[in-house]
């Protein structure tokens, strides 16, 4: 993967951002951050290689630019996940990286939320992605919400797309290749695969996106 900044500069940038906004203990946390950075960049390379977005490729190679807010949002999520797996009991490093993502990019994506290996976002400001089963190819935009209702969480199939302002809450089963239109609201409802969803529960409008011949 081609990097806009050298590896050491990306590590220094993340450490400086953490230390400036919150806290970073160089002596005890540098090793975790370094290994977490390595893992996060590997995850980014795999994830970014699956998108056709022109900003994720340069000179025929997968490309990571920490000054691209969308790319950096994904990177910080993967970094927080890695730190959560690597840190010592009682450490809050993963929490601080999650909080850094929220502070810099306006995205609430907690490190204990299990995102798929391949997901995408576009202008994620104001989005809250809570605990759910989420399939590969998931994408979302600004002001989207996934969360529970009375302790029940959604399950999303592959290639689910959430347009701006859309919400999925509660006991929902969302099929593969479903698109939620802007400002749609699905609560405690199942959506069949290959559908386009409009409106709000319980008065949803669901239109198939594939004809009988397909």
Protein backbone atom coordinates (compact mmCIF):
# COMPACT_ATOMS: atom_id res chain seq x y z
CA UNK A 1 0.00 0.00 0.00
CA UNK A 2 1.26 3.45 -0.89
CA UNK A 3 1.39 5.83 2.09
CA UNK A 4 1.08 9.60 1.84
CA UNK A 5 3.37 9.88 4.89
CA UNK A 6 6.22 7.59 5.95
CA UNK A 7 5.22 4.94 8.47
CA UNK A 8 7.11 6.64 11.32
CA UNK A 9 5.37 9.94 10.60
CA UNK A 10 1.94 8.30 10.77
CA UNK A 11 2.88 6.79 14.14
CA UNK A 12 4.15 10.17 15.37
CA UNK A 13 0.98 11.89 14.13
CA UNK A 14 -1.33 9.51 16.01
CA UNK A 15 0.77 9.74 19.19
CA UNK A 16 0.84 13.54 19.01
CA UNK A 17 -2.91 13.77 18.44
CA UNK A 18 -3.57 11.49 21.41
CA UNK A 19 -1.14 13.39 23.63
CA UNK A 20 -2.53 16.80 22.64
CA UNK A 21 -6.22 16.02 23.05
CA UNK A 22 -6.10 13.38 25.77
CA UNK A 23 -3.06 11.50 27.05
CA UNK A 24 -0.35 9.31 25.61
CA UNK A 25 2.17 7.50 27.82
CA UNK A 26 5.18 7.19 25.54
CA UNK A 27 7.18 4.82 27.74
CA UNK A 28 4.41 2.27 28.31
CA UNK A 29 2.14 2.67 25.28
CA UNK A 30 4.48 3.18 22.32
CA UNK A 31 4.92 -0.56 21.71
CA UNK A 32 1.15 -1.15 21.67
CA UNK A 33 0.63 1.80 19.35
CA UNK A 34 3.37 0.63 16.98
CA UNK A 35 1.99 -2.92 16.71
CA UNK A 36 -1.55 -1.58 16.51
CA UNK A 37 -0.49 0.74 13.70
CA UNK A 38 1.00 -2.17 11.76
CA UNK A 39 -2.21 -4.18 12.12
CA UNK A 40 -4.43 -1.19 11.30
CA UNK A 41 -2.53 -0.46 8.09
CA UNK A 42 -2.84 -4.10 7.03
CA UNK A 43 -6.58 -3.92 7.70
CA UNK A 44 -6.82 -0.66 5.76
CA UNK A 45 -4.99 -2.15 2.79
CA UNK A 46 -7.41 -5.10 2.66
CA UNK A 47 -10.45 -2.83 3.10
CA UNK A 48 -9.36 -0.08 0.71
CA UNK A 49 -8.43 -2.56 -2.02
CA UNK A 50 -12.12 -3.54 -2.24
CA UNK A 51 -13.37 -0.08 -3.18
CA UNK A 52 -13.43 1.61 -6.56
CA UNK A 53 -13.35 5.07 -4.98
CA UNK A 54 -10.61 6.98 -6.78
CA UNK A 55 -9.28 8.54 -3.58
CA UNK A 56 -8.30 5.12 -2.22
CA UNK A 57 -5.93 4.35 -5.09
CA UNK A 58 -2.91 6.12 -6.59
CA UNK A 59 -0.46 5.08 -9.28
CA UNK A 60 -2.21 1.73 -9.60
CA UNK A 61 -1.78 0.92 -5.89
CA UNK A 62 -3.96 1.03 -2.81
CA UNK A 63 -3.37 4.39 -1.16
CA UNK A 64 -3.68 5.69 2.42
CA UNK A 65 -3.75 9.41 3.14
CA UNK A 66 -4.17 10.30 6.85
CA UNK A 67 -5.36 13.75 5.76
CA UNK A 68 -8.39 12.22 4.02
CA UNK A 69 -11.02 12.29 6.78
CA UNK A 70 -12.88 9.21 5.55
CA UNK A 71 -9.73 7.11 5.28
CA UNK A 72 -8.52 8.32 8.65
CA UNK A 73 -11.88 7.45 10.25
CA UNK A 74 -11.53 3.85 9.08
CA UNK A 75 -7.87 3.74 10.10
CA UNK A 76 -8.61 4.99 13.63
CA UNK A 77 -11.37 2.39 14.03
CA UNK A 78 -8.97 -0.40 13.04
CA UNK A 79 -6.29 1.11 15.31
CA UNK A 80 -8.67 1.21 18.27
CA UNK A 81 -9.66 -2.43 17.63
CA UNK A 82 -6.00 -3.46 17.52
CA UNK A 83 -5.20 -1.51 20.69
CA UNK A 84 -8.15 -3.16 22.45
CA UNK A 85 -6.74 -6.59 21.58
CA UNK A 86 -3.14 -5.67 22.51
CA UNK A 87 -3.40 -3.43 25.56
CA UNK A 88 -2.86 -4.52 29.14
CA UNK A 89 -5.90 -4.96 31.42
CA UNK A 90 -6.95 -1.63 32.83
CA UNK A 91 -5.50 0.38 29.97
CA UNK A 92 -7.68 3.04 28.32
CA UNK A 93 -5.61 3.44 25.14
CA UNK A 94 -8.31 1.91 22.92
CA UNK A 95 -10.89 4.21 24.52
CA UNK A 96 -8.73 7.24 23.78
CA UNK A 97 -8.25 6.24 20.14
CA UNK A 98 -12.02 5.76 19.80
CA UNK A 99 -12.53 9.18 21.37
CA UNK A 100 -9.92 10.67 19.03
CA UNK A 101 -11.91 9.39 16.06
CA UNK A 102 -15.05 10.95 17.52
CA UNK A 103 -13.30 14.27 18.17
CA UNK A 104 -11.59 14.54 14.77
CA UNK A 105 -14.20 13.03 12.47
CA UNK A 106 -17.50 13.29 14.33
CA UNK A 107 -17.97 9.51 14.13
CA UNK A 108 -19.14 7.43 17.09
CA UNK A 109 -17.79 3.95 16.30
CA UNK A 110 -16.72 2.16 19.49
CA UNK A 111 -13.83 -0.26 19.35
CA UNK A 112 -15.96 -3.11 20.71
CA UNK A 113 -18.35 -2.82 17.76
CA UNK A 114 -17.39 -5.61 15.35
CA UNK A 115 -17.21 -4.07 11.92
CA UNK A 116 -16.59 -6.34 8.92
CA UNK A 117 -13.19 -6.44 7.25
CA UNK A 118 -14.63 -4.49 4.33
CA UNK A 119 -16.74 -1.42 5.01
CA UNK A 120 -16.91 2.09 3.63
CA UNK A 121 -18.10 5.51 4.66
CA UNK A 122 -18.58 8.88 3.07
CA UNK A 123 -18.76 12.05 5.18
CA UNK A 124 -19.46 10.12 8.41
CA UNK A 125 -20.07 13.22 10.57
CA UNK A 126 -22.84 12.65 13.09
CA UNK A 127 -23.12 8.90 12.55
CA UNK A 128 -23.46 6.46 15.47
CA UNK A 129 -22.74 2.83 14.58
CA UNK A 130 -23.66 0.66 17.54
CA UNK A 131 -23.49 -3.05 18.18
CA UNK A 132 -24.93 -5.20 15.42
CA UNK A 133 -24.04 -8.09 13.12
CA UNK A 134 -22.77 -6.37 9.99
CA UNK A 135 -21.83 -8.09 6.73
CA UNK A 136 -19.02 -7.22 4.33
CA UNK A 137 -19.48 -4.31 1.97
CA UNK A 138 -21.45 -2.21 4.47
CA UNK A 139 -21.42 1.53 3.77
CA UNK A 140 -22.92 4.58 5.44
CA UNK A 141 -22.97 8.34 5.18
CA UNK A 142 -23.63 11.27 7.52
CA UNK A 143 -26.12 11.19 10.41
CA UNK A 144 -26.74 7.43 10.22
CA UNK A 145 -27.62 5.36 13.28
CA UNK A 146 -27.48 1.67 14.13
CA UNK A 147 -28.52 0.66 17.63
CA UNK A 148 -30.62 -1.42 19.97
CA UNK A 149 -34.24 -1.22 20.99
CA UNK A 150 -35.09 -2.81 24.34
CA UNK A 151 -31.86 -4.83 24.21
CA UNK A 152 -32.40 -6.19 20.71
CA UNK A 153 -29.81 -5.50 18.01
CA UNK A 154 -29.94 -5.54 14.20
CA UNK A 155 -28.32 -8.02 11.84
CA UNK A 156 -27.24 -6.75 8.44
CA UNK A 157 -26.39 -8.85 5.40
CA UNK A 158 -23.76 -8.09 2.79
CA UNK A 159 -23.56 -4.84 0.85
CA UNK A 160 -26.08 -2.90 2.93
CA UNK A 161 -25.99 0.83 2.15
CA UNK A 162 -27.28 3.52 4.50
CA UNK A 163 -27.85 6.89 2.88
CA UNK A 164 -27.71 10.11 4.92
CA UNK A 165 -29.94 10.27 7.97
CA UNK A 166 -31.09 6.65 7.82
CA UNK A 167 -31.57 4.53 10.96
CA UNK A 168 -31.73 0.83 11.85
CA UNK A 169 -32.84 0.05 15.40
CA UNK A 170 -33.86 -3.04 17.30
CA UNK A 171 -34.68 -6.54 16.13
CA UNK A 172 -34.10 -6.05 12.41
CA UNK A 173 -32.91 -8.52 9.81
CA UNK A 174 -31.66 -6.64 6.78
CA UNK A 175 -31.01 -8.78 3.71
CA UNK A 176 -28.11 -8.60 1.27
CA UNK A 177 -27.89 -5.70 -1.18
CA UNK A 178 -30.37 -3.48 0.65
CA UNK A 179 -30.24 0.32 0.36
CA UNK A 180 -31.88 2.53 2.96
CA UNK A 181 -32.95 5.80 1.36
CA UNK A 182 -32.09 9.12 2.98
CA UNK A 183 -33.91 9.67 6.30
CA UNK A 184 -35.53 6.22 6.28
CA UNK A 185 -36.11 4.62 9.69
CA UNK A 186 -36.31 0.86 10.17
CA UNK A 187 -37.24 -0.39 13.66
CA UNK A 188 -37.96 -4.01 14.63
CA UNK A 189 -38.59 -4.96 11.00
CA UNK A 190 -37.18 -7.40 8.46
CA UNK A 191 -36.16 -6.21 5.00
CA UNK A 192 -35.78 -8.74 2.16
CA UNK A 193 -32.63 -8.88 0.08
CA UNK A 194 -32.26 -6.73 -3.03
CA UNK A 195 -34.53 -3.97 -1.79
CA UNK A 196 -34.73 -0.19 -1.61
CA UNK A 197 -36.35 1.10 1.60
CA UNK A 198 -38.20 4.41 2.06
CA UNK A 199 -40.16 5.91 4.94
CA UNK A 200 -40.38 5.05 8.62
CA UNK A 201 -41.51 2.00 10.58
CA UNK A 202 -44.18 0.74 10.70
CA UNK A 203 -45.10 2.42 7.40
CA UNK A 204 -42.15 1.42 5.28
CA UNK A 205 -42.14 1.37 1.50
CA UNK A 206 -40.00 -1.50 0.19
CA UNK A 207 -39.25 -1.75 -3.51
CA UNK A 208 -37.37 -4.64 -5.14
CA UNK A 209 -34.20 -3.68 -6.98
CA UNK A 210 -34.07 -6.82 -9.12
CA UNK A 211 -36.70 -7.91 -11.58
CA UNK A 212 -38.05 -11.51 -11.89
CA UNK A 213 -35.72 -12.23 -14.80
CA UNK A 214 -32.69 -11.50 -12.64
